[in-house]
């Protein structure tokens, strides 16, 4: 049962409504907590954190990327965009997290636009990756350490299976290894809603208290 599919649609099943926009914006404030926890609990990953619990986000410096290491034979347009991005004034990107599993490290980036899953997600993903080519990195900096990257996890709201496979295969062909995986957030949300994990209920309850308190203040009830 695709429960999560209806989260950002109004009673008329229109994803572009203001109703959907408000929900999408709200979801964007905390969905990363849910995705990260699910990956830890269900896939055996461990998100690197600082001693006080904050996420220890890695940095990928464009200067560390050597384009000679990759297969761009069928990717002339993509290569041109990547070269332009690597020469930009911004020297690096900061993905959303770094997971560890069985002694290997995986860079994680979450990009979810749940209001518009049907408006060309494949092109949207390729434009994003060509502007931010972190999938070409072999190392990242976390804290003061330079660490070797074993793979990449990319959270996206919803993708047709054929499109997902096409993107994964194309990127893995470029980087010459099966390192890139798309993790559909809608599948994780469906599992969380139906399974009602204790940790999931805790996250949602915490966020609900915060939002309820805010609206009570707006109504002068606080």
C-alpha atoms as a PDB file:
ATOM      1  CA  UNK A   1       0.000   0.000   0.000  1.00  0.00           C
ATOM      2  CA  UNK A   2       1.619   3.257  -1.190  1.00  0.00           C
ATOM      3  CA  UNK A   3       0.694   5.399   1.801  1.00  0.00           C
ATOM      4  CA  UNK A   4       3.480   7.941   1.331  1.00  0.00           C
ATOM      5  CA  UNK A   5       2.396   8.704  -2.238  1.00  0.00           C
ATOM      6  CA  UNK A   6      -0.562  10.720  -0.915  1.00  0.00           C
ATOM      7  CA  UNK A   7       1.345  12.741   1.684  1.00  0.00           C
ATOM      8  CA  UNK A   8       1.913  15.694  -0.642  1.00  0.00           C
ATOM      9  CA  UNK A   9      -1.350  15.663  -2.618  1.00  0.00           C
ATOM     10  CA  UNK A  10      -4.613  17.415  -1.851  1.00  0.00           C
ATOM     11  CA  UNK A  11      -8.112  15.940  -1.955  1.00  0.00           C
ATOM     12  CA  UNK A  12      -8.144  16.364  -5.733  1.00  0.00           C
ATOM     13  CA  UNK A  13      -4.826  14.515  -6.153  1.00  0.00           C
ATOM     14  CA  UNK A  14      -3.042  17.648  -7.356  1.00  0.00           C
ATOM     15  CA  UNK A  15       0.629  17.748  -6.295  1.00  0.00           C
ATOM     16  CA  UNK A  16       1.055  21.404  -7.306  1.00  0.00           C
ATOM     17  CA  UNK A  17      -1.370  22.830  -4.753  1.00  0.00           C
ATOM     18  CA  UNK A  18      -0.457  25.131  -1.860  1.00  0.00           C
ATOM     19  CA  UNK A  19      -1.549  22.309   0.416  1.00  0.00           C
ATOM     20  CA  UNK A  20       1.199  20.119  -1.027  1.00  0.00           C
ATOM     21  CA  UNK A  21       3.753  22.928  -0.961  1.00  0.00           C
ATOM     22  CA  UNK A  22       3.306  23.510   2.767  1.00  0.00           C
ATOM     23  CA  UNK A  23       3.640  19.829   3.557  1.00  0.00           C
ATOM     24  CA  UNK A  24       6.654  19.438   1.296  1.00  0.00           C
ATOM     25  CA  UNK A  25       8.422  22.350   2.975  1.00  0.00           C
ATOM     26  CA  UNK A  26       7.671  20.985   6.438  1.00  0.00           C
ATOM     27  CA  UNK A  27       8.849  17.490   5.489  1.00  0.00           C
ATOM     28  CA  UNK A  28      12.088  18.965   4.199  1.00  0.00           C
ATOM     29  CA  UNK A  29      12.995  20.132   7.691  1.00  0.00           C
ATOM     30  CA  UNK A  30      13.319  16.666   9.202  1.00  0.00           C
ATOM     31  CA  UNK A  31      13.170  13.905   6.578  1.00  0.00           C
ATOM     32  CA  UNK A  32      16.949  13.415   6.667  1.00  0.00           C
ATOM     33  CA  UNK A  33      16.678  12.209  10.269  1.00  0.00           C
ATOM     34  CA  UNK A  34      14.240   9.512   9.168  1.00  0.00           C
ATOM     35  CA  UNK A  35      16.210   8.380   6.103  1.00  0.00           C
ATOM     36  CA  UNK A  36      19.490   8.220   8.033  1.00  0.00           C
ATOM     37  CA  UNK A  37      17.976   6.296  10.946  1.00  0.00           C
ATOM     38  CA  UNK A  38      16.278   3.831   8.597  1.00  0.00           C
ATOM     39  CA  UNK A  39      19.567   3.153   6.828  1.00  0.00           C
ATOM     40  CA  UNK A  40      21.191   2.516  10.201  1.00  0.00           C
ATOM     41  CA  UNK A  41      18.458   0.263  11.544  1.00  0.00           C
ATOM     42  CA  UNK A  42      17.530  -1.616   8.350  1.00  0.00           C
ATOM     43  CA  UNK A  43      20.673  -1.630   6.215  1.00  0.00           C
ATOM     44  CA  UNK A  44      23.433  -1.795   8.832  1.00  0.00           C
ATOM     45  CA  UNK A  45      25.021   1.588   8.071  1.00  0.00           C
ATOM     46  CA  UNK A  46      26.333   3.869  10.816  1.00  0.00           C
ATOM     47  CA  UNK A  47      26.244   7.633  10.307  1.00  0.00           C
ATOM     48  CA  UNK A  48      29.418   9.375  11.449  1.00  0.00           C
ATOM     49  CA  UNK A  49      28.713  11.940  14.152  1.00  0.00           C
ATOM     50  CA  UNK A  50      30.619  14.335  16.365  1.00  0.00           C
ATOM     51  CA  UNK A  51      30.938  13.497  20.068  1.00  0.00           C
ATOM     52  CA  UNK A  52      27.846  15.570  20.942  1.00  0.00           C
ATOM     53  CA  UNK A  53      25.670  13.858  18.342  1.00  0.00           C
ATOM     54  CA  UNK A  54      25.705  16.337  15.450  1.00  0.00           C
ATOM     55  CA  UNK A  55      26.235  14.833  11.989  1.00  0.00           C
ATOM     56  CA  UNK A  56      29.874  14.922  10.920  1.00  0.00           C
ATOM     57  CA  UNK A  57      29.433  15.962   7.304  1.00  0.00           C
ATOM     58  CA  UNK A  58      32.235  15.251   4.830  1.00  0.00           C
ATOM     59  CA  UNK A  59      33.718  17.690   2.353  1.00  0.00           C
ATOM     60  CA  UNK A  60      34.638  16.822  -1.201  1.00  0.00           C
ATOM     61  CA  UNK A  61      37.138  19.191  -2.785  1.00  0.00           C
ATOM     62  CA  UNK A  62      36.875  19.572  -6.542  1.00  0.00           C
ATOM     63  CA  UNK A  63      40.640  19.870  -6.789  1.00  0.00           C
ATOM     64  CA  UNK A  64      41.018  16.257  -5.654  1.00  0.00           C
ATOM     65  CA  UNK A  65      39.076  14.904  -8.646  1.00  0.00           C
ATOM     66  CA  UNK A  66      41.018  13.657 -11.666  1.00  0.00           C
ATOM     67  CA  UNK A  67      38.833  13.274 -14.745  1.00  0.00           C
ATOM     68  CA  UNK A  68      41.370  10.902 -16.324  1.00  0.00           C
ATOM     69  CA  UNK A  69      40.168   8.176 -13.951  1.00  0.00           C
ATOM     70  CA  UNK A  70      36.717   7.883 -15.537  1.00  0.00           C
ATOM     71  CA  UNK A  71      34.949   6.703 -18.674  1.00  0.00           C
ATOM     72  CA  UNK A  72      33.389   9.649 -20.499  1.00  0.00           C
ATOM     73  CA  UNK A  73      33.401   8.068 -23.978  1.00  0.00           C
ATOM     74  CA  UNK A  74      29.602   8.279 -24.228  1.00  0.00           C
ATOM     75  CA  UNK A  75      29.232  11.366 -22.039  1.00  0.00           C
ATOM     76  CA  UNK A  76      30.536  14.338 -24.028  1.00  0.00           C
ATOM     77  CA  UNK A  77      27.840  16.751 -22.853  1.00  0.00           C
ATOM     78  CA  UNK A  78      28.036  15.577 -19.237  1.00  0.00           C
ATOM     79  CA  UNK A  79      31.844  15.888 -19.259  1.00  0.00           C
ATOM     80  CA  UNK A  80      31.644  19.466 -20.547  1.00  0.00           C
ATOM     81  CA  UNK A  81      29.265  20.428 -17.719  1.00  0.00           C
ATOM     82  CA  UNK A  82      31.432  18.689 -15.124  1.00  0.00           C
ATOM     83  CA  UNK A  83      34.570  20.522 -16.297  1.00  0.00           C
ATOM     84  CA  UNK A  84      32.748  23.822 -15.952  1.00  0.00           C
ATOM     85  CA  UNK A  85      31.542  22.914 -12.450  1.00  0.00           C
ATOM     86  CA  UNK A  86      35.006  21.881 -11.285  1.00  0.00           C
ATOM     87  CA  UNK A  87      36.380  25.265 -12.362  1.00  0.00           C
ATOM     88  CA  UNK A  88      33.727  27.224 -10.459  1.00  0.00           C
ATOM     89  CA  UNK A  89      34.584  29.602  -7.623  1.00  0.00           C
ATOM     90  CA  UNK A  90      33.181  27.128  -5.104  1.00  0.00           C
ATOM     91  CA  UNK A  91      36.037  24.809  -4.113  1.00  0.00           C
ATOM     92  CA  UNK A  92      34.047  21.970  -2.612  1.00  0.00           C
ATOM     93  CA  UNK A  93      30.675  20.493  -1.732  1.00  0.00           C
ATOM     94  CA  UNK A  94      29.399  19.220   1.613  1.00  0.00           C
ATOM     95  CA  UNK A  95      27.175  16.125   1.262  1.00  0.00           C
ATOM     96  CA  UNK A  96      24.597  15.337   3.935  1.00  0.00           C
ATOM     97  CA  UNK A  97      26.527  12.585   5.655  1.00  0.00           C
ATOM     98  CA  UNK A  98      29.131   9.856   5.681  1.00  0.00           C
ATOM     99  CA  UNK A  99      28.035   6.323   6.512  1.00  0.00           C
ATOM    100  CA  UNK A 100      30.273   3.505   7.640  1.00  0.00           C
ATOM    101  CA  UNK A 101      29.536  -0.177   7.050  1.00  0.00           C
ATOM    102  CA  UNK A 102      31.854  -3.139   7.473  1.00  0.00           C
ATOM    103  CA  UNK A 103      34.874  -0.866   7.533  1.00  0.00           C
ATOM    104  CA  UNK A 104      33.926   0.968   4.324  1.00  0.00           C
ATOM    105  CA  UNK A 105      32.736   4.565   3.928  1.00  0.00           C
ATOM    106  CA  UNK A 106      29.797   5.770   1.851  1.00  0.00           C
ATOM    107  CA  UNK A 107      29.024   9.385   1.008  1.00  0.00           C
ATOM    108  CA  UNK A 108      25.325  10.188   1.370  1.00  0.00           C
ATOM    109  CA  UNK A 109      23.404  12.987  -0.287  1.00  0.00           C
ATOM    110  CA  UNK A 110      19.654  13.530   0.102  1.00  0.00           C
ATOM    111  CA  UNK A 111      17.674  15.534  -2.452  1.00  0.00           C
ATOM    112  CA  UNK A 112      13.917  15.187  -2.181  1.00  0.00           C
ATOM    113  CA  UNK A 113      11.398  17.222  -4.150  1.00  0.00           C
ATOM    114  CA  UNK A 114       8.237  15.210  -3.391  1.00  0.00           C
ATOM    115  CA  UNK A 115       5.828  17.720  -4.915  1.00  0.00           C
ATOM    116  CA  UNK A 116       6.994  17.150  -8.466  1.00  0.00           C
ATOM    117  CA  UNK A 117       8.141  13.532  -8.912  1.00  0.00           C
ATOM    118  CA  UNK A 118       6.605  13.327 -12.376  1.00  0.00           C
ATOM    119  CA  UNK A 119       8.230  16.419 -13.917  1.00  0.00           C
ATOM    120  CA  UNK A 120      11.395  15.016 -15.425  1.00  0.00           C
ATOM    121  CA  UNK A 121      13.299  13.620 -12.414  1.00  0.00           C
ATOM    122  CA  UNK A 122      15.913  11.979 -14.645  1.00  0.00           C
ATOM    123  CA  UNK A 123      16.957  15.267 -16.236  1.00  0.00           C
ATOM    124  CA  UNK A 124      16.747  16.999 -12.865  1.00  0.00           C
ATOM    125  CA  UNK A 125      19.115  14.452 -11.304  1.00  0.00           C
ATOM    126  CA  UNK A 126      21.625  14.674 -14.160  1.00  0.00           C
ATOM    127  CA  UNK A 127      21.641  18.466 -14.040  1.00  0.00           C
ATOM    128  CA  UNK A 128      22.240  18.333 -10.302  1.00  0.00           C
ATOM    129  CA  UNK A 129      25.075  15.794 -10.533  1.00  0.00           C
ATOM    130  CA  UNK A 130      26.794  17.642 -13.368  1.00  0.00           C
ATOM    131  CA  UNK A 131      26.671  20.818 -11.259  1.00  0.00           C
ATOM    132  CA  UNK A 132      27.847  18.916  -8.161  1.00  0.00           C
ATOM    133  CA  UNK A 133      29.961  15.968  -9.380  1.00  0.00           C
ATOM    134  CA  UNK A 134      30.641  14.427  -5.966  1.00  0.00           C
ATOM    135  CA  UNK A 135      30.153  10.935  -7.445  1.00  0.00           C
ATOM    136  CA  UNK A 136      33.554  11.357  -9.121  1.00  0.00           C
ATOM    137  CA  UNK A 137      35.397  11.722  -5.812  1.00  0.00           C
ATOM    138  CA  UNK A 138      37.662   8.998  -4.487  1.00  0.00           C
ATOM    139  CA  UNK A 139      38.370  10.662  -1.152  1.00  0.00           C
ATOM    140  CA  UNK A 140      36.639  13.072   1.188  1.00  0.00           C
ATOM    141  CA  UNK A 141      37.680  15.124   4.199  1.00  0.00           C
ATOM    142  CA  UNK A 142      35.873  14.462   7.462  1.00  0.00           C
ATOM    143  CA  UNK A 143      37.081  16.365  10.488  1.00  0.00           C
ATOM    144  CA  UNK A 144      40.784  16.653   9.759  1.00  0.00           C
ATOM    145  CA  UNK A 145      41.096  13.270   8.064  1.00  0.00           C
ATOM    146  CA  UNK A 146      41.243  12.454   4.385  1.00  0.00           C
ATOM    147  CA  UNK A 147      39.254   9.263   3.916  1.00  0.00           C
ATOM    148  CA  UNK A 148      38.812   6.835   1.036  1.00  0.00           C
ATOM    149  CA  UNK A 149      35.276   6.580  -0.360  1.00  0.00           C
ATOM    150  CA  UNK A 150      33.884   3.109  -1.076  1.00  0.00           C
ATOM    151  CA  UNK A 151      30.480   4.127  -2.436  1.00  0.00           C
ATOM    152  CA  UNK A 152      27.704   6.671  -2.800  1.00  0.00           C
ATOM    153  CA  UNK A 153      24.111   6.688  -1.510  1.00  0.00           C
ATOM    154  CA  UNK A 154      21.696   9.129  -3.109  1.00  0.00           C
ATOM    155  CA  UNK A 155      18.251   9.673  -1.569  1.00  0.00           C
ATOM    156  CA  UNK A 156      15.559  10.804  -4.001  1.00  0.00           C
ATOM    157  CA  UNK A 157      11.828  10.913  -3.360  1.00  0.00           C
ATOM    158  CA  UNK A 158      10.430   8.685  -6.113  1.00  0.00           C
ATOM    159  CA  UNK A 159      11.700   7.169  -9.341  1.00  0.00           C
ATOM    160  CA  UNK A 160      10.373   4.670 -11.831  1.00  0.00           C
ATOM    161  CA  UNK A 161      12.411   1.475 -11.506  1.00  0.00           C
ATOM    162  CA  UNK A 162      13.587   1.649 -15.098  1.00  0.00           C
ATOM    163  CA  UNK A 163      14.731   5.266 -14.684  1.00  0.00           C
ATOM    164  CA  UNK A 164      16.485   4.429 -11.428  1.00  0.00           C
ATOM    165  CA  UNK A 165      18.345   1.527 -13.028  1.00  0.00           C
ATOM    166  CA  UNK A 166      19.292   3.657 -16.036  1.00  0.00           C
ATOM    167  CA  UNK A 167      20.791   6.411 -13.857  1.00  0.00           C
ATOM    168  CA  UNK A 168      22.641   3.964 -11.602  1.00  0.00           C
ATOM    169  CA  UNK A 169      24.064   2.036 -14.559  1.00  0.00           C
ATOM    170  CA  UNK A 170      25.129   5.194 -16.341  1.00  0.00           C
ATOM    171  CA  UNK A 171      26.936   6.658 -13.337  1.00  0.00           C
ATOM    172  CA  UNK A 172      28.554   3.337 -12.434  1.00  0.00           C
ATOM    173  CA  UNK A 173      29.774   3.000 -16.013  1.00  0.00           C
ATOM    174  CA  UNK A 174      31.351   6.455 -15.794  1.00  0.00           C
ATOM    175  CA  UNK A 175      33.092   5.767 -12.483  1.00  0.00           C
ATOM    176  CA  UNK A 176      34.000   2.224 -13.598  1.00  0.00           C
ATOM    177  CA  UNK A 177      32.638   0.567 -10.470  1.00  0.00           C
ATOM    178  CA  UNK A 178      29.297  -0.405  -8.943  1.00  0.00           C
ATOM    179  CA  UNK A 179      29.481   2.231  -6.240  1.00  0.00           C
ATOM    180  CA  UNK A 180      26.442   4.455  -6.808  1.00  0.00           C
ATOM    181  CA  UNK A 181      23.003   3.549  -5.458  1.00  0.00           C
ATOM    182  CA  UNK A 182      19.740   5.507  -5.420  1.00  0.00           C
ATOM    183  CA  UNK A 183      17.663   4.996  -2.271  1.00  0.00           C
ATOM    184  CA  UNK A 184      14.015   6.014  -2.939  1.00  0.00           C
ATOM    185  CA  UNK A 185      12.726   7.925   0.093  1.00  0.00           C
ATOM    186  CA  UNK A 186       9.118   7.049  -0.680  1.00  0.00           C
ATOM    187  CA  UNK A 187       9.881   3.352  -0.093  1.00  0.00           C
ATOM    188  CA  UNK A 188      11.466   4.155   3.261  1.00  0.00           C
ATOM    189  CA  UNK A 189       8.505   6.296   4.302  1.00  0.00           C
ATOM    190  CA  UNK A 190       6.024   3.600   3.310  1.00  0.00           C
ATOM    191  CA  UNK A 191       7.942   1.109   5.439  1.00  0.00           C
ATOM    192  CA  UNK A 192       8.137   3.493   8.404  1.00  0.00           C
ATOM    193  CA  UNK A 193       4.431   4.359   8.280  1.00  0.00           C
ATOM    194  CA  UNK A 194       3.340   0.735   8.061  1.00  0.00           C
ATOM    195  CA  UNK A 195       5.916  -0.694  10.501  1.00  0.00           C
ATOM    196  CA  UNK A 196       5.640   2.103  13.079  1.00  0.00           C
ATOM    197  CA  UNK A 197       9.161   1.670  14.392  1.00  0.00           C
ATOM    198  CA  UNK A 198       9.695   3.066  17.902  1.00  0.00           C
ATOM    199  CA  UNK A 199      12.464   5.354  16.680  1.00  0.00           C
ATOM    200  CA  UNK A 200      10.241   6.616  13.843  1.00  0.00           C
ATOM    201  CA  UNK A 201       7.352   7.407  16.195  1.00  0.00           C
ATOM    202  CA  UNK A 202       9.809   9.246  18.441  1.00  0.00           C
ATOM    203  CA  UNK A 203      11.084  11.454  15.588  1.00  0.00           C
ATOM    204  CA  UNK A 204       7.584  12.264  14.332  1.00  0.00           C
ATOM    205  CA  UNK A 205       6.335  12.975  17.863  1.00  0.00           C
ATOM    206  CA  UNK A 206       9.220  15.372  18.510  1.00  0.00           C
ATOM    207  CA  UNK A 207       8.560  17.259  15.291  1.00  0.00           C
ATOM    208  CA  UNK A 208       4.811  17.323  15.944  1.00  0.00           C
ATOM    209  CA  UNK A 209       5.293  18.888  19.376  1.00  0.00           C
ATOM    210  CA  UNK A 210       7.475  21.592  17.841  1.00  0.00           C
ATOM    211  CA  UNK A 211       4.958  22.414  15.087  1.00  0.00           C
ATOM    212  CA  UNK A 212       1.938  22.257  17.418  1.00  0.00           C
ATOM    213  CA  UNK A 213       3.638  24.620  19.844  1.00  0.00           C
ATOM    214  CA  UNK A 214       4.428  27.063  17.049  1.00  0.00           C
ATOM    215  CA  UNK A 215       0.815  27.196  15.825  1.00  0.00           C
ATOM    216  CA  UNK A 216      -0.461  27.557  19.372  1.00  0.00           C
ATOM    217  CA  UNK A 217       1.754  30.616  19.727  1.00  0.00           C
ATOM    218  CA  UNK A 218       0.413  32.011  16.439  1.00  0.00           C
ATOM    219  CA  UNK A 219      -3.114  31.588  17.824  1.00  0.00           C
ATOM    220  CA  UNK A 220      -2.196  33.247  21.086  1.00  0.00           C
ATOM    221  CA  UNK A 221      -2.755  30.046  23.084  1.00  0.00           C
ATOM    222  CA  UNK A 222       0.752  29.663  24.465  1.00  0.00           C
END
